[in-house]
Amino acid sequence: MIRGALSLLDGLRLLLAERALRSVLWRMLGLLVLLVVLLAAGVFWFSDYLAHLWLPQSDAWYWQVLGALAWLLAFALSLISGAVAFVALASTAASPWLDMLAARTERLAGLTVDENPSSWAAQILQSLANSLRPLLGLLGWGMVAAVCMVVPVIGQVAATVIWGYAGIRFFNYETLDVPASRRQWGFSRRREILRSERWFHLGFGGAAMALMLVPALNVLILPAAVVALSRHYAGR
């Protein structure tokens, strides 16, 4: 797990240190910032909605404690939902730039590679198609989390943990998409890779999810993750 988290941090360092990578980052930065701003508004609305839905009604002192816990859980669940939505939208909308980042990272690793020659529209549609099965898996975990929410407090804690795990799992599929597509790995191969390096990717995705909750830094995490994985899988 620590190796995965360190790999992400190294990808962030490389993204900011290498001029060839920074030049791609600046091109996509406006889109990433716009998505973060729009989704931030959605996060606060959703957290307020959930908190009022879960908020217990009573004058007893312990109900105030439960109320504070409900606000905390609602906010955490909303932040995770916002991060998941950002990854889903940004990884598709910025897919041509992310492929460019991956190609340049592979060149820095000593490989002789070309950028994807397909049109922007074709790359975006391909990225969207590759996201369908991970999205179905995310929906399945979301349904489990929704069922848990029915149970007060304990169920809501469980729902937050389950949704957090589902978000990490989805993030790993999305960030693996660019290096995997460049190597023509199908979904079965991607799933096998994630399972064979389960702890690496759990640390990688967990660190990414945590850093995506940090304002200003969050816009850098998706491109940094693509750089990190492109370097990690260079030569395979």
Protein backbone atom coordinates (compact mmCIF):
# COMPACT_ATOMS: atom_id res chain seq x y z
CA MET A 1 0.00 0.00 0.00
CA ILE A 2 2.82 2.40 0.88
CA ARG A 3 4.49 1.66 -2.47
CA GLY A 4 1.30 2.62 -4.30
CA ALA A 5 0.95 5.90 -2.39
CA LEU A 6 4.62 6.74 -3.01
CA SER A 7 4.19 5.97 -6.71
CA LEU A 8 1.36 8.51 -6.91
CA LEU A 9 3.45 11.16 -5.15
CA ASP A 10 6.33 10.47 -7.52
CA GLY A 11 3.94 10.90 -10.45
CA LEU A 12 2.90 14.27 -9.04
CA ARG A 13 6.54 15.29 -8.66
CA LEU A 14 7.34 14.23 -12.22
CA LEU A 15 4.27 16.03 -13.60
CA LEU A 16 5.40 19.31 -12.08
CA ALA A 17 9.14 18.87 -12.62
CA GLU A 18 9.22 17.91 -16.31
CA ARG A 19 8.56 20.72 -18.78
CA ALA A 20 7.21 18.32 -21.42
CA LEU A 21 4.54 17.14 -18.96
CA ARG A 22 3.75 20.57 -17.53
CA SER A 23 2.99 21.89 -21.01
CA VAL A 24 0.24 19.26 -21.37
CA LEU A 25 -1.06 19.96 -17.86
CA TRP A 26 -1.56 23.67 -18.64
CA ARG A 27 -3.70 22.76 -21.66
CA MET A 28 -6.14 20.68 -19.64
CA LEU A 29 -6.04 22.73 -16.43
CA GLY A 30 -8.92 25.04 -17.38
CA LEU A 31 -11.23 22.07 -17.99
CA LEU A 32 -10.22 20.40 -14.72
CA VAL A 33 -10.76 23.59 -12.70
CA LEU A 34 -14.18 24.13 -14.30
CA LEU A 35 -15.28 20.60 -13.39
CA VAL A 36 -14.04 20.99 -9.80
CA VAL A 37 -15.94 24.27 -9.33
CA LEU A 38 -19.18 22.85 -10.73
CA LEU A 39 -18.94 19.66 -8.70
CA ALA A 40 -18.06 21.54 -5.50
CA ALA A 41 -21.47 23.20 -5.63
CA GLY A 42 -23.06 19.79 -6.08
CA VAL A 43 -21.12 18.37 -3.12
CA PHE A 44 -22.40 21.04 -0.71
CA TRP A 45 -25.98 20.65 -1.94
CA PHE A 46 -25.85 16.85 -1.64
CA SER A 47 -24.27 16.93 1.83
CA ASP A 48 -26.97 19.33 3.04
CA TYR A 49 -29.68 17.07 1.57
CA LEU A 50 -28.27 13.92 3.17
CA ALA A 51 -27.70 15.59 6.53
CA HIS A 52 -31.33 16.73 6.71
CA LEU A 53 -32.44 13.28 5.59
CA TRP A 54 -30.40 11.55 8.32
CA LEU A 55 -30.63 14.22 11.02
CA PRO A 56 -32.40 12.88 14.12
CA GLN A 57 -35.18 14.96 15.65
CA SER A 58 -35.00 15.19 19.43
CA ASP A 59 -33.99 17.53 22.25
CA ALA A 60 -31.98 14.90 24.12
CA TRP A 61 -28.25 15.67 24.45
CA TYR A 62 -27.17 12.44 22.74
CA TRP A 63 -29.29 13.28 19.71
CA GLN A 64 -27.11 16.35 19.23
CA VAL A 65 -24.08 14.05 19.09
CA LEU A 66 -25.86 11.85 16.56
CA GLY A 67 -26.79 14.95 14.58
CA ALA A 68 -23.14 16.06 14.39
CA LEU A 69 -22.19 12.55 13.28
CA ALA A 70 -24.90 12.65 10.61
CA TRP A 71 -23.49 15.92 9.23
CA LEU A 72 -19.97 14.49 9.23
CA LEU A 73 -20.99 11.28 7.44
CA ALA A 74 -23.12 13.19 4.93
CA PHE A 75 -20.26 15.51 4.12
CA ALA A 76 -17.77 12.63 3.77
CA LEU A 77 -20.14 10.69 1.50
CA SER A 78 -20.74 13.79 -0.60
CA LEU A 79 -17.02 14.49 -0.95
CA ILE A 80 -16.41 10.92 -2.14
CA SER A 81 -19.32 11.24 -4.59
CA GLY A 82 -17.88 14.49 -5.91
CA ALA A 83 -14.44 12.91 -6.37
CA VAL A 84 -15.96 9.94 -8.21
CA ALA A 85 -17.98 12.23 -10.48
CA PHE A 86 -14.90 14.32 -11.20
CA VAL A 87 -12.85 11.26 -12.19
CA ALA A 88 -15.66 9.91 -14.39
CA LEU A 89 -16.11 13.22 -16.25
CA ALA A 90 -12.50 14.40 -16.40
CA SER A 91 -10.99 11.07 -17.47
CA THR A 92 -13.33 11.04 -20.47
CA ALA A 93 -13.33 14.72 -21.41
CA ALA A 94 -9.54 15.05 -21.05
CA SER A 95 -8.65 11.63 -22.48
CA PRO A 96 -6.66 12.96 -25.49
CA TRP A 97 -4.51 15.10 -23.17
CA LEU A 98 -4.10 12.18 -20.76
CA ASP A 99 -2.89 9.98 -23.63
CA MET A 100 -0.41 12.72 -24.55
CA LEU A 101 0.83 12.74 -20.95
CA ALA A 102 1.20 8.96 -20.98
CA ALA A 103 3.17 8.99 -24.24
CA ARG A 104 5.56 11.67 -23.01
CA THR A 105 6.03 9.84 -19.70
CA GLU A 106 6.89 6.64 -21.55
CA ARG A 107 9.46 8.54 -23.62
CA LEU A 108 11.00 9.87 -20.41
CA ALA A 109 11.23 6.24 -19.28
CA GLY A 110 13.27 5.41 -22.39
CA LEU A 111 10.57 3.95 -24.65
CA THR A 112 10.16 4.87 -28.30
CA VAL A 113 6.42 5.48 -28.59
CA ASP A 114 3.97 7.66 -30.48
CA GLU A 115 0.90 9.53 -29.29
CA ASN A 116 -2.52 8.18 -30.20
CA PRO A 117 -3.16 9.08 -33.87
CA SER A 118 -6.96 8.85 -33.50
CA SER A 119 -9.12 11.97 -33.58
CA TRP A 120 -10.14 13.67 -30.35
CA ALA A 121 -13.73 12.52 -30.77
CA ALA A 122 -12.63 8.91 -31.31
CA GLN A 123 -10.43 8.97 -28.21
CA ILE A 124 -13.20 10.42 -26.07
CA LEU A 125 -15.72 7.85 -27.33
CA GLN A 126 -13.23 5.03 -26.71
CA SER A 127 -12.59 6.29 -23.18
CA LEU A 128 -16.34 6.44 -22.56
CA ALA A 129 -16.78 2.87 -23.83
CA ASN A 130 -13.96 1.64 -21.57
CA SER A 131 -15.67 3.29 -18.57
CA LEU A 132 -18.97 1.43 -18.96
CA ARG A 133 -18.06 -1.79 -17.12
CA PRO A 134 -16.31 0.00 -14.23
CA LEU A 135 -19.37 2.27 -14.00
CA LEU A 136 -21.65 -0.76 -13.75
CA GLY A 137 -19.46 -2.10 -10.95
CA LEU A 138 -19.63 1.29 -9.24
CA LEU A 139 -23.43 1.24 -9.56
CA GLY A 140 -23.54 -2.20 -7.92
CA TRP A 141 -21.51 -1.02 -4.93
CA GLY A 142 -23.66 2.12 -4.82
CA MET A 143 -26.81 0.01 -4.48
CA VAL A 144 -25.25 -1.87 -1.56
CA ALA A 145 -24.33 1.44 0.08
CA ALA A 146 -27.86 2.76 -0.48
CA VAL A 147 -29.36 -0.27 1.27
CA CYS A 148 -27.01 0.23 4.23
CA MET A 149 -28.14 3.86 4.58
CA VAL A 150 -31.55 2.63 5.79
CA VAL A 151 -29.96 1.54 9.09
CA PRO A 152 -29.31 4.60 11.32
CA VAL A 153 -25.71 5.47 12.26
CA ILE A 154 -24.11 2.03 11.83
CA GLY A 155 -25.58 1.61 8.36
CA GLN A 156 -24.58 5.13 7.40
CA VAL A 157 -21.00 4.52 8.55
CA ALA A 158 -20.97 1.27 6.55
CA ALA A 159 -22.37 3.07 3.50
CA THR A 160 -19.61 5.68 3.66
CA VAL A 161 -16.90 3.00 3.91
CA ILE A 162 -18.41 0.93 1.08
CA TRP A 163 -18.80 3.96 -1.16
CA GLY A 164 -15.23 5.02 -0.38
CA TYR A 165 -13.93 1.59 -1.42
CA ALA A 166 -16.08 1.68 -4.56
CA GLY A 167 -14.66 5.10 -5.40
CA ILE A 168 -11.07 3.88 -5.02
CA ARG A 169 -11.82 0.84 -7.18
CA PHE A 170 -13.39 3.01 -9.90
CA PHE A 171 -10.51 5.49 -9.77
CA ASN A 172 -8.03 2.65 -10.34
CA TYR A 173 -9.90 1.43 -13.42
CA GLU A 174 -10.14 4.95 -14.85
CA THR A 175 -6.50 5.87 -14.34
CA LEU A 176 -5.35 2.50 -15.67
CA ASP A 177 -7.41 3.10 -18.83
CA VAL A 178 -4.82 5.28 -20.61
CA PRO A 179 -1.73 3.03 -20.22
CA ALA A 180 -3.93 -0.05 -20.73
CA SER A 181 -5.46 1.32 -23.94
CA ARG A 182 -2.00 2.16 -25.26
CA ARG A 183 -1.09 -1.51 -24.75
CA GLN A 184 -4.45 -2.77 -26.07
CA TRP A 185 -5.32 -4.50 -22.82
CA GLY A 186 -8.95 -5.60 -22.64
CA PHE A 187 -11.13 -5.45 -19.55
CA SER A 188 -10.12 -8.97 -18.41
CA ARG A 189 -6.45 -8.06 -18.57
CA ARG A 190 -7.06 -4.83 -16.64
CA ARG A 191 -8.99 -6.68 -13.95
CA GLU A 192 -6.19 -9.26 -13.72
CA ILE A 193 -3.59 -6.48 -13.32
CA LEU A 194 -5.59 -4.80 -10.55
CA ARG A 195 -6.06 -8.11 -8.73
CA SER A 196 -2.42 -9.21 -9.05
CA GLU A 197 -1.23 -5.87 -7.62
CA ARG A 198 -4.16 -5.41 -5.26
CA TRP A 199 -2.26 -3.78 -2.38
CA PHE A 200 -0.29 -1.47 -4.67
CA HIS A 201 -3.47 -0.18 -6.28
CA LEU A 202 -5.33 0.03 -2.97
CA GLY A 203 -2.62 2.33 -1.65
CA PHE A 204 -2.42 4.19 -4.95
CA GLY A 205 -6.18 4.76 -5.24
CA GLY A 206 -6.60 5.45 -1.52
CA ALA A 207 -3.91 8.14 -1.56
CA ALA A 208 -5.42 9.63 -4.72
CA MET A 209 -8.91 9.73 -3.20
CA ALA A 210 -7.57 11.44 -0.06
CA LEU A 211 -5.61 14.04 -2.05
CA MET A 212 -8.59 14.73 -4.29
CA LEU A 213 -10.39 16.09 -1.24
CA VAL A 214 -7.71 18.80 -0.84
CA PRO A 215 -8.72 22.07 -2.58
CA ALA A 216 -6.41 23.26 -5.39
CA LEU A 217 -4.38 20.04 -5.21
CA ASN A 218 -7.33 17.96 -6.42
CA VAL A 219 -7.08 19.21 -10.03
CA LEU A 220 -3.56 17.73 -10.30
CA ILE A 221 -4.30 14.22 -9.03
CA LEU A 222 -5.86 12.67 -12.15
CA PRO A 223 -3.02 13.70 -14.51
CA ALA A 224 -0.45 12.81 -11.83
CA ALA A 225 -2.00 9.34 -11.50
CA VAL A 226 -1.82 8.78 -15.27
CA VAL A 227 1.85 9.83 -15.24
CA ALA A 228 2.57 7.52 -12.29
CA LEU A 229 0.90 4.47 -13.85
CA SER A 230 2.41 5.13 -17.28
CA ARG A 231 5.82 5.07 -15.63
CA HIS A 232 4.95 2.04 -13.50
CA TYR A 233 3.87 -0.01 -16.52
CA ALA A 234 6.50 1.29 -18.97
CA GLY A 235 8.02 -1.60 -20.86
CA ARG A 236 5.25 -4.12 -20.09
